[in-house]
Amino acid sequence: MTASDGQDGSADRSLPLAAVQGATEHFFDFNRERLCAWTASNGMPRHVGDQILDWVYRKGTIDPAQMSNLAKGYRVLLSEKFSFTRGRTIAHQSASDGTQKLLVAWGTLGTTLGDQQSVLPILGQGSAQSQVARGSETECVMIPADARRTACISSQLGCPVGCKFCASGIGGLEGNLSAGQILEQVYQLGRLQGVDRISHVVFMGMGEPLANYAAVTDAIRTLNAPWGFGISARRITVSTVGLPAAIRKFCDFEIPVTLALSLHAPNDALRREIIPWAEFSTVDELLDACDEWFTRTGREITLEYILLGGVNDRPEHAEELAFHAKRIHANVNLIRYNEVRGMPFHRPSTDDVLRFQSVLRQREVNAHIRASRGRDIAAACGQLRHEHATTARPPTSGERPGERPGERPGS
């Protein structure tokens, strides 16, 4: 085909048809090197790739027709080659504190199931490719705090970890998100009313990030790159339930992001009660890997600790946690549990939370209570997806309309 004059007066250029045959590609799967190579292979000057990146990441424009400094033929080819958004928002909730949550359906897409040298044994040795089920959904959240706009994003469809207090693992793991799907969440959250620009990113949504290592690290490179989202490495946090080998592997990653360990219990017996994956490693083994992280990277780790009323929020638990935190030079984020329908856990009392923090601080541990955000929406991880699914399905035998498993009127 022959390109027409661009809006900027560019001369016509001939473009090959080969590149537009077959399925379109997800734009957000392309980094700068790959995009510039694609433009060069299609007869465009290499700098056209940088112009496209500027439109998408600086100007927020994903409609090739609006990229006015590109020749018309280039814009046509771009629209034929790439899809810029593949997720369909099927629910959008806004809380009174400004938190906004999206439930995104991805349809049927092929996604990798992690490298076959997986250090995460629960994933097994499945095929290299998994076809994500039609209608598979993930959540992402925008959390405002002063000038910050934090994107809390998912890395997998479902979750293999199966924490008993978390809705993300209900139904298990369907598959991994691609780097493009991870990045698209950040883009979509950045387009929400009142957001303007995402300033921080936390991999604390659905899934275990280090079980989708290649896609997560590729996404981080684009999040951090000056040609991409341009988010400082210290403003990107990866949260993992953790296996020692996965943490040690992540020590070699070239971008100095923050690592958070979702510990949630200070000893093996309690941890294995609430986190099935804990059977694969002891607390001591995890802490040894975290100590190696600190030694090799020079960056402190954060221990994430969800307080479950009457389960792991006693002063003796705080004493154990303080010992671990001091051992590995860690900060502690205390998170009050957000209740999930059908789960037998409860939000701790304010007095118990403050007492827990006090024990940590008395032991000279830097411990913060994370502000609860989005309490008036389904803010807990996996909660919106779970509630959307249970609302959509018909009642099962013996269950009246409007009831949920484990829930009866007045309970």
Protein backbone atom coordinates (compact mmCIF):
# COMPACT_ATOMS: atom_id res chain seq x y z
CA MET A 1 0.00 0.00 0.00
CA THR A 2 1.03 3.61 -0.40
CA ALA A 3 0.84 6.09 2.44
CA SER A 4 -0.87 9.42 1.94
CA ASP A 5 0.61 12.69 3.09
CA GLY A 6 0.75 13.00 6.88
CA GLN A 7 -0.87 15.89 8.69
CA ASP A 8 2.61 17.29 9.23
CA GLY A 9 3.25 17.39 5.47
CA SER A 10 5.31 14.17 5.35
CA ALA A 11 5.88 12.74 1.92
CA ASP A 12 4.16 9.53 0.83
CA ARG A 13 6.09 6.38 1.65
CA SER A 14 5.53 2.83 0.42
CA LEU A 15 4.92 0.25 3.15
CA PRO A 16 4.95 -3.56 2.84
CA LEU A 17 1.78 -5.55 3.42
CA ALA A 18 3.51 -8.42 5.23
CA ALA A 19 3.44 -6.78 8.65
CA VAL A 20 -0.33 -6.35 8.71
CA GLN A 21 -1.17 -9.98 8.00
CA GLY A 22 -2.20 -12.20 10.92
CA ALA A 23 -3.36 -11.31 14.41
CA THR A 24 -2.67 -7.89 15.86
CA GLU A 25 -0.19 -7.54 18.71
CA HIS A 26 -0.67 -5.89 22.07
CA PHE A 27 1.18 -2.59 21.94
CA PHE A 28 2.12 -2.64 25.62
CA ASP A 29 4.07 -5.88 25.06
CA PHE A 30 6.58 -3.88 22.98
CA ASN A 31 9.55 -2.16 24.59
CA ARG A 32 11.46 0.64 22.86
CA GLU A 33 14.01 -1.62 21.18
CA ARG A 34 11.37 -3.97 19.81
CA LEU A 35 9.12 -1.14 18.62
CA CYS A 36 11.94 0.74 16.87
CA ALA A 37 13.03 -2.50 15.20
CA TRP A 38 9.47 -3.00 13.99
CA THR A 39 9.26 0.51 12.54
CA ALA A 40 12.61 0.06 10.78
CA SER A 41 11.57 -3.31 9.34
CA ASN A 42 8.46 -1.66 7.91
CA GLY A 43 10.33 1.06 6.05
CA MET A 44 9.94 3.82 8.65
CA PRO A 45 12.76 5.91 10.06
CA ARG A 46 13.83 4.50 13.42
CA HIS A 47 12.82 7.70 15.24
CA VAL A 48 9.17 7.01 14.40
CA GLY A 49 9.22 4.43 17.19
CA ASP A 50 10.17 7.15 19.66
CA GLN A 51 7.40 9.37 18.33
CA ILE A 52 4.85 6.61 18.92
CA LEU A 53 6.14 6.02 22.46
CA ASP A 54 5.85 9.74 23.16
CA TRP A 55 2.21 9.74 22.05
CA VAL A 56 1.32 6.77 24.24
CA TYR A 57 3.36 7.35 27.40
CA ARG A 58 3.72 11.14 27.50
CA LYS A 59 0.49 12.30 25.87
CA GLY A 60 -1.70 9.33 26.79
CA THR A 61 -2.91 8.91 23.19
CA ILE A 62 -3.59 5.36 21.98
CA ASP A 63 -5.56 6.19 18.83
CA PRO A 64 -3.08 6.11 15.91
CA ALA A 65 -5.37 8.44 13.95
CA GLN A 66 -4.59 11.18 16.48
CA MET A 67 -0.81 10.82 16.19
CA SER A 68 -0.58 13.85 13.95
CA ASN A 69 3.18 13.95 13.36
CA LEU A 70 3.13 10.49 11.75
CA ALA A 71 2.48 10.00 8.06
CA LYS A 72 -1.05 8.74 7.36
CA GLY A 73 0.24 5.44 6.04
CA TYR A 74 2.19 4.88 9.23
CA ARG A 75 -0.93 5.56 11.29
CA VAL A 76 -2.95 3.09 9.21
CA LEU A 77 -0.29 0.39 9.58
CA LEU A 78 -0.05 1.04 13.31
CA SER A 79 -3.80 0.62 13.76
CA GLU A 80 -3.77 -2.60 11.71
CA LYS A 81 -0.79 -4.09 13.53
CA PHE A 82 -1.51 -3.23 17.15
CA SER A 83 -4.32 -3.33 19.65
CA PHE A 84 -3.65 -0.82 22.41
CA THR A 85 -6.25 -1.98 24.92
CA ARG A 86 -7.35 -5.57 25.31
CA GLY A 87 -8.99 -5.43 28.71
CA ARG A 88 -12.69 -4.61 29.04
CA THR A 89 -13.75 -2.88 32.25
CA ILE A 90 -16.83 -4.69 33.53
CA ALA A 91 -17.02 -3.01 36.94
CA HIS A 92 -15.76 0.33 38.22
CA GLN A 93 -16.17 1.25 41.88
CA SER A 94 -15.33 4.56 43.53
CA ALA A 95 -14.96 4.91 47.30
CA SER A 96 -15.66 7.99 49.38
CA ASP A 97 -11.91 8.36 50.08
CA GLY A 98 -11.11 8.60 46.35
CA THR A 99 -9.98 5.01 45.88
CA GLN A 100 -11.11 3.57 42.55
CA LYS A 101 -11.18 -0.09 41.60
CA LEU A 102 -11.55 -1.71 38.20
CA LEU A 103 -12.56 -5.27 37.36
CA VAL A 104 -11.10 -6.03 33.94
CA ALA A 105 -12.08 -8.95 31.70
CA TRP A 106 -9.37 -10.13 29.32
CA GLY A 107 -11.31 -12.55 27.14
CA THR A 108 -9.31 -15.37 25.56
CA LEU A 109 -5.60 -14.64 25.28
CA GLY A 110 -2.56 -16.89 25.22
CA THR A 111 -0.26 -16.21 28.16
CA THR A 112 2.89 -17.90 29.35
CA LEU A 113 2.76 -19.92 32.55
CA GLY A 114 6.20 -18.93 33.78
CA ASP A 115 9.59 -20.34 32.88
CA GLN A 116 9.96 -24.08 33.08
CA GLN A 117 12.86 -23.77 35.51
CA SER A 118 10.33 -22.49 38.01
CA VAL A 119 11.55 -22.00 41.56
CA LEU A 120 7.91 -22.07 42.64
CA PRO A 121 7.05 -25.78 42.85
CA ILE A 122 3.32 -25.37 43.31
CA LEU A 123 3.14 -24.28 39.68
CA GLY A 124 4.28 -27.74 38.58
CA GLN A 125 5.60 -28.49 35.13
CA GLY A 126 2.68 -27.49 32.96
CA SER A 127 2.81 -26.54 29.32
CA ALA A 128 4.69 -23.43 28.29
CA GLN A 129 1.46 -21.87 27.12
CA SER A 130 -1.91 -21.56 28.82
CA GLN A 131 -5.05 -20.36 27.12
CA VAL A 132 -6.78 -18.01 29.51
CA ALA A 133 -10.45 -18.80 29.97
CA ARG A 134 -12.95 -16.52 28.28
CA GLY A 135 -14.15 -13.87 30.65
CA SER A 136 -11.15 -14.24 32.99
CA GLU A 137 -10.94 -11.18 35.18
CA THR A 138 -8.37 -9.31 37.21
CA GLU A 139 -8.56 -6.32 39.51
CA CYS A 140 -6.53 -3.15 39.71
CA VAL A 141 -6.87 -0.25 42.13
CA MET A 142 -5.94 3.44 42.13
CA ILE A 143 -5.19 4.70 45.64
CA PRO A 144 -4.86 8.47 46.19
CA ALA A 145 -2.87 9.85 49.12
CA ASP A 146 -1.95 13.53 49.11
CA ALA A 147 -0.01 14.03 45.84
CA ARG A 148 0.48 10.30 45.32
CA ARG A 149 -1.50 8.25 42.86
CA THR A 150 -0.66 4.60 43.47
CA ALA A 151 -1.60 1.80 41.08
CA CYS A 152 -2.08 -1.55 42.81
CA ILE A 153 -1.94 -4.07 39.98
CA SER A 154 -2.35 -7.79 39.36
CA SER A 155 0.22 -10.11 37.82
CA GLN A 156 -1.86 -13.28 37.39
CA LEU A 157 -5.38 -14.46 36.66
CA GLY A 158 -6.31 -15.86 40.03
CA CYS A 159 -3.55 -16.91 42.42
CA PRO A 160 -1.70 -20.16 43.15
CA VAL A 161 -0.89 -19.29 46.78
CA GLY A 162 -4.37 -19.80 48.21
CA CYS A 163 -4.07 -17.66 51.37
CA LYS A 164 -7.13 -18.65 53.36
CA PHE A 165 -8.06 -15.05 54.17
CA CYS A 166 -7.78 -13.76 50.58
CA ALA A 167 -10.35 -13.90 47.78
CA SER A 168 -7.72 -13.84 45.00
CA GLY A 169 -7.02 -17.55 45.24
CA ILE A 170 -10.64 -18.72 45.16
CA GLY A 171 -10.74 -20.95 42.09
CA GLY A 172 -6.95 -21.24 41.96
CA LEU A 173 -4.70 -20.02 39.16
CA GLU A 174 -6.01 -19.64 35.60
CA GLY A 175 -2.84 -18.27 34.04
CA ASN A 176 -0.29 -15.49 33.95
CA LEU A 177 -0.80 -11.99 32.62
CA SER A 178 1.54 -10.81 29.90
CA ALA A 179 3.76 -7.77 30.43
CA GLY A 180 1.34 -5.87 28.20
CA GLN A 181 -1.66 -6.79 30.31
CA ILE A 182 0.19 -5.71 33.45
CA LEU A 183 1.14 -2.38 31.88
CA GLU A 184 -2.33 -1.80 30.48
CA GLN A 185 -3.68 -1.80 34.04
CA VAL A 186 -1.40 1.12 34.89
CA TYR A 187 -2.42 2.94 31.73
CA GLN A 188 -6.14 2.45 32.42
CA LEU A 189 -5.84 3.57 36.04
CA GLY A 190 -3.97 6.66 34.88
CA ARG A 191 -6.92 7.61 32.66
CA LEU A 192 -9.46 7.64 35.51
CA GLN A 193 -11.03 10.93 36.45
CA GLY A 194 -8.90 12.94 38.86
CA VAL A 195 -5.77 10.80 38.47
CA ASP A 196 -3.72 12.62 35.80
CA ARG A 197 -0.58 10.52 36.35
CA ILE A 198 0.30 7.36 38.25
CA SER A 199 3.22 8.13 40.58
CA HIS A 200 3.69 4.79 42.38
CA VAL A 201 3.09 1.15 41.44
CA VAL A 202 2.70 -1.80 43.80
CA PHE A 203 2.44 -5.42 42.65
CA MET A 204 0.01 -6.28 45.43
CA GLY A 205 -3.04 -7.24 43.43
CA MET A 206 -4.08 -10.70 42.32
CA GLY A 207 -1.38 -13.31 41.88
CA GLU A 208 2.19 -14.00 43.01
CA PRO A 209 4.51 -11.69 41.01
CA LEU A 210 7.61 -13.86 41.30
CA ALA A 211 5.66 -16.78 39.83
CA ASN A 212 5.33 -14.72 36.64
CA TYR A 213 8.91 -13.51 36.72
CA ALA A 214 9.61 -12.75 33.06
CA ALA A 215 6.44 -10.74 32.44
CA VAL A 216 6.69 -8.85 35.74
CA THR A 217 10.31 -7.86 35.23
CA ASP A 218 9.63 -6.83 31.62
CA ALA A 219 6.73 -4.70 32.84
CA ILE A 220 8.92 -3.08 35.51
CA ARG A 221 11.46 -2.10 32.85
CA THR A 222 8.77 -0.20 30.95
CA LEU A 223 7.34 1.30 34.14
CA ASN A 224 10.78 2.65 35.01
CA ALA A 225 12.09 3.58 31.55
CA PRO A 226 12.27 7.29 30.59
CA TRP A 227 10.60 6.39 27.27
CA GLY A 228 7.87 4.52 29.18
CA PHE A 229 5.96 5.51 32.30
CA GLY A 230 9.09 7.05 33.82
CA ILE A 231 8.31 5.94 37.38
CA SER A 232 11.26 5.97 39.77
CA ALA A 233 12.48 2.53 40.86
CA ARG A 234 12.04 3.44 44.52
CA ARG A 235 8.36 4.03 43.78
CA ILE A 236 7.83 0.50 42.47
CA THR A 237 7.19 -2.27 45.00
CA VAL A 238 6.94 -6.00 44.36
CA SER A 239 5.14 -7.94 47.08
CA THR A 240 5.74 -11.68 47.33
CA VAL A 241 4.56 -14.47 49.60
CA GLY A 242 7.97 -15.75 48.79
CA LEU A 243 10.08 -18.82 48.27
CA PRO A 244 13.78 -18.41 49.01
CA ALA A 245 15.00 -19.28 45.49
CA ALA A 246 12.63 -16.73 43.94
CA ILE A 247 13.88 -13.96 46.23
CA ARG A 248 17.51 -14.83 45.51
CA LYS A 249 16.81 -14.78 41.78
CA PHE A 250 15.23 -11.34 42.13
CA CYS A 251 18.43 -10.05 43.77
CA ASP A 252 19.99 -10.07 40.30
CA PHE A 253 17.32 -7.85 38.74
CA GLU A 254 18.96 -4.67 37.47
CA ILE A 255 16.34 -2.13 38.56
CA PRO A 256 16.48 -1.25 42.30
CA VAL A 257 12.83 -1.67 43.18
CA THR A 258 11.47 -2.26 46.68
CA LEU A 259 10.73 -5.81 47.80
CA ALA A 260 7.98 -6.60 50.29
CA LEU A 261 7.52 -10.01 51.91
CA SER A 262 3.96 -10.96 52.80
CA LEU A 263 4.78 -12.76 56.03
CA HIS A 264 1.41 -12.56 57.84
CA ALA A 265 2.48 -14.95 60.61
CA PRO A 266 5.68 -15.02 62.69
CA ASN A 267 6.13 -18.80 62.98
CA ASP A 268 5.82 -21.83 60.74
CA ALA A 269 2.89 -23.47 62.48
CA LEU A 270 0.61 -20.44 62.22
CA ARG A 271 1.83 -19.49 58.77
CA ARG A 272 1.03 -22.93 57.37
CA GLU A 273 -2.47 -22.69 58.80
CA ILE A 274 -3.29 -19.56 56.80
CA ILE A 275 -0.91 -19.76 53.81
CA PRO A 276 -0.77 -23.15 52.03
CA TRP A 277 2.42 -22.18 50.17
CA ALA A 278 4.24 -21.97 53.52
CA GLU A 279 4.76 -25.72 53.37
CA PHE A 280 7.45 -25.13 50.75
CA SER A 281 9.73 -23.08 53.01
CA THR A 282 10.23 -22.18 56.64
CA VAL A 283 10.18 -18.67 58.07
CA ASP A 284 13.92 -19.00 58.77
CA GLU A 285 14.64 -19.94 55.15
CA LEU A 286 12.64 -16.97 53.92
CA LEU A 287 14.40 -14.60 56.28
CA ASP A 288 17.81 -15.92 55.16
CA ALA A 289 16.85 -15.08 51.56
CA CYS A 290 15.67 -11.63 52.66
CA ASP A 291 18.95 -11.09 54.50
CA GLU A 292 20.75 -11.95 51.25
CA TRP A 293 18.56 -9.39 49.47
CA PHE A 294 19.66 -6.72 51.95
CA THR A 295 23.32 -7.73 51.70
CA ARG A 296 23.45 -7.88 47.90
CA THR A 297 21.23 -4.90 47.04
CA GLY A 298 21.68 -2.64 50.06
CA ARG A 299 17.91 -2.08 50.13
CA GLU A 300 15.77 -2.69 53.16
CA ILE A 301 12.88 -5.07 52.80
CA THR A 302 9.34 -4.45 54.04
CA LEU A 303 7.43 -7.10 55.95
CA GLU A 304 3.72 -6.99 55.14
CA TYR A 305 1.54 -8.33 57.94
CA ILE A 306 -2.24 -8.64 57.68
CA LEU A 307 -3.79 -8.57 61.14
CA LEU A 308 -6.57 -11.14 61.49
CA GLY A 309 -8.69 -10.64 64.59
CA GLY A 310 -7.89 -13.27 67.21
CA VAL A 311 -5.60 -15.22 64.87
CA ASN A 312 -2.22 -13.49 64.49
CA ASP A 313 -2.70 -10.20 66.33
CA ARG A 314 -1.66 -11.15 69.89
CA PRO A 315 1.25 -9.46 71.72
CA GLU A 316 3.26 -12.70 71.59
CA HIS A 317 2.98 -12.64 67.80
CA ALA A 318 4.27 -9.07 67.80
CA GLU A 319 7.26 -10.13 69.92
CA GLU A 320 8.17 -12.84 67.40
CA LEU A 321 7.69 -10.47 64.47
CA ALA A 322 9.91 -7.85 66.10
CA PHE A 323 12.72 -10.40 66.40
CA HIS A 324 12.46 -11.24 62.68
CA ALA A 325 12.31 -7.60 61.58
CA LYS A 326 15.42 -6.65 63.52
CA ARG A 327 17.25 -9.68 62.18
CA ILE A 328 16.88 -8.55 58.55
CA HIS A 329 16.73 -4.74 59.03
CA ALA A 330 13.10 -4.67 57.86
CA ASN A 331 10.30 -2.16 58.14
CA VAL A 332 6.84 -3.51 59.00
CA ASN A 333 3.54 -2.55 57.39
CA LEU A 334 0.55 -3.57 59.49
CA ILE A 335 -2.63 -4.09 57.48
CA ARG A 336 -6.03 -4.40 59.07
CA TYR A 337 -8.01 -7.19 57.46
CA ASN A 338 -10.86 -6.22 55.14
CA GLU A 339 -13.63 -8.78 55.53
CA VAL A 340 -14.52 -11.01 52.58
CA ARG A 341 -17.89 -12.74 52.25
CA GLY A 342 -17.81 -16.41 53.14
CA MET A 343 -14.41 -16.29 54.87
CA PRO A 344 -14.18 -16.96 58.62
CA PHE A 345 -11.81 -14.11 59.47
CA HIS A 346 -12.55 -10.83 61.18
CA ARG A 347 -11.11 -7.34 61.29
CA PRO A 348 -9.08 -6.77 64.48
CA SER A 349 -10.10 -4.15 67.01
CA THR A 350 -8.37 -0.77 66.98
CA ASP A 351 -7.00 -1.42 70.47
CA ASP A 352 -5.43 -4.70 69.39
CA VAL A 353 -3.86 -3.09 66.32
CA LEU A 354 -2.36 -0.25 68.36
CA ARG A 355 -1.11 -2.67 71.00
CA PHE A 356 0.55 -4.78 68.31
CA GLN A 357 2.28 -1.72 66.85
CA SER A 358 3.37 -0.59 70.30
CA VAL A 359 5.14 -3.88 70.99
CA LEU A 360 7.05 -3.53 67.70
CA ARG A 361 8.05 0.06 68.37
CA GLN A 362 9.15 -0.77 71.90
CA ARG A 363 11.54 -3.24 70.26
CA GLU A 364 12.78 -0.40 67.98
CA VAL A 365 11.09 -1.72 64.85
CA ASN A 366 9.85 0.82 62.34
CA ALA A 367 6.18 -0.24 62.18
CA HIS A 368 3.37 1.61 60.40
CA ILE A 369 -0.35 0.90 60.28
CA ARG A 370 -1.42 1.16 56.69
CA ALA A 371 -4.47 3.34 56.22
CA SER A 372 -7.52 1.31 55.22
CA ARG A 373 -8.69 2.53 51.85
CA GLY A 374 -11.87 1.79 49.95
CA ARG A 375 -13.73 0.30 52.91
CA ASP A 376 -17.07 1.24 51.33
CA ILE A 377 -16.30 -0.74 48.16
CA ALA A 378 -14.99 -4.28 47.58
CA ALA A 379 -11.43 -3.14 48.26
CA ALA A 380 -9.79 -6.31 49.52
CA CYS A 381 -7.66 -8.19 47.01
CA GLY A 382 -9.83 -10.40 44.81
CA GLN A 383 -12.99 -9.27 46.58
CA LEU A 384 -14.65 -7.45 43.68
CA ARG A 385 -13.96 -10.36 41.33
CA HIS A 386 -15.34 -12.82 43.89
CA GLU A 387 -18.46 -10.79 44.61
CA HIS A 388 -19.07 -10.14 40.92
CA ALA A 389 -18.85 -13.87 40.19
CA THR A 390 -21.12 -14.92 43.06
CA THR A 391 -23.66 -12.22 42.23
CA ALA A 392 -23.76 -13.34 38.59
CA ARG A 393 -24.30 -17.02 39.29
CA PRO A 394 -27.70 -18.52 40.20
CA PRO A 395 -28.23 -19.72 43.80
CA THR A 396 -27.13 -23.28 44.48
CA SER A 397 -29.37 -25.90 46.06
CA GLY A 398 -30.49 -24.83 49.53
CA GLU A 399 -29.26 -21.25 49.06
CA ARG A 400 -31.80 -18.48 48.80
CA PRO A 401 -31.38 -15.63 46.29
CA GLY A 402 -29.04 -12.97 47.57
CA GLU A 403 -27.20 -15.29 49.99
CA ARG A 404 -23.55 -16.25 49.63
CA PRO A 405 -21.68 -19.34 50.77
CA GLY A 406 -21.04 -19.19 54.51
CA GLU A 407 -23.43 -16.29 54.95
CA ARG A 408 -26.99 -16.20 56.22
CA PRO A 409 -29.23 -13.22 57.03
CA GLY A 410 -28.28 -11.79 60.38
CA SER A 411 -24.87 -13.49 60.48
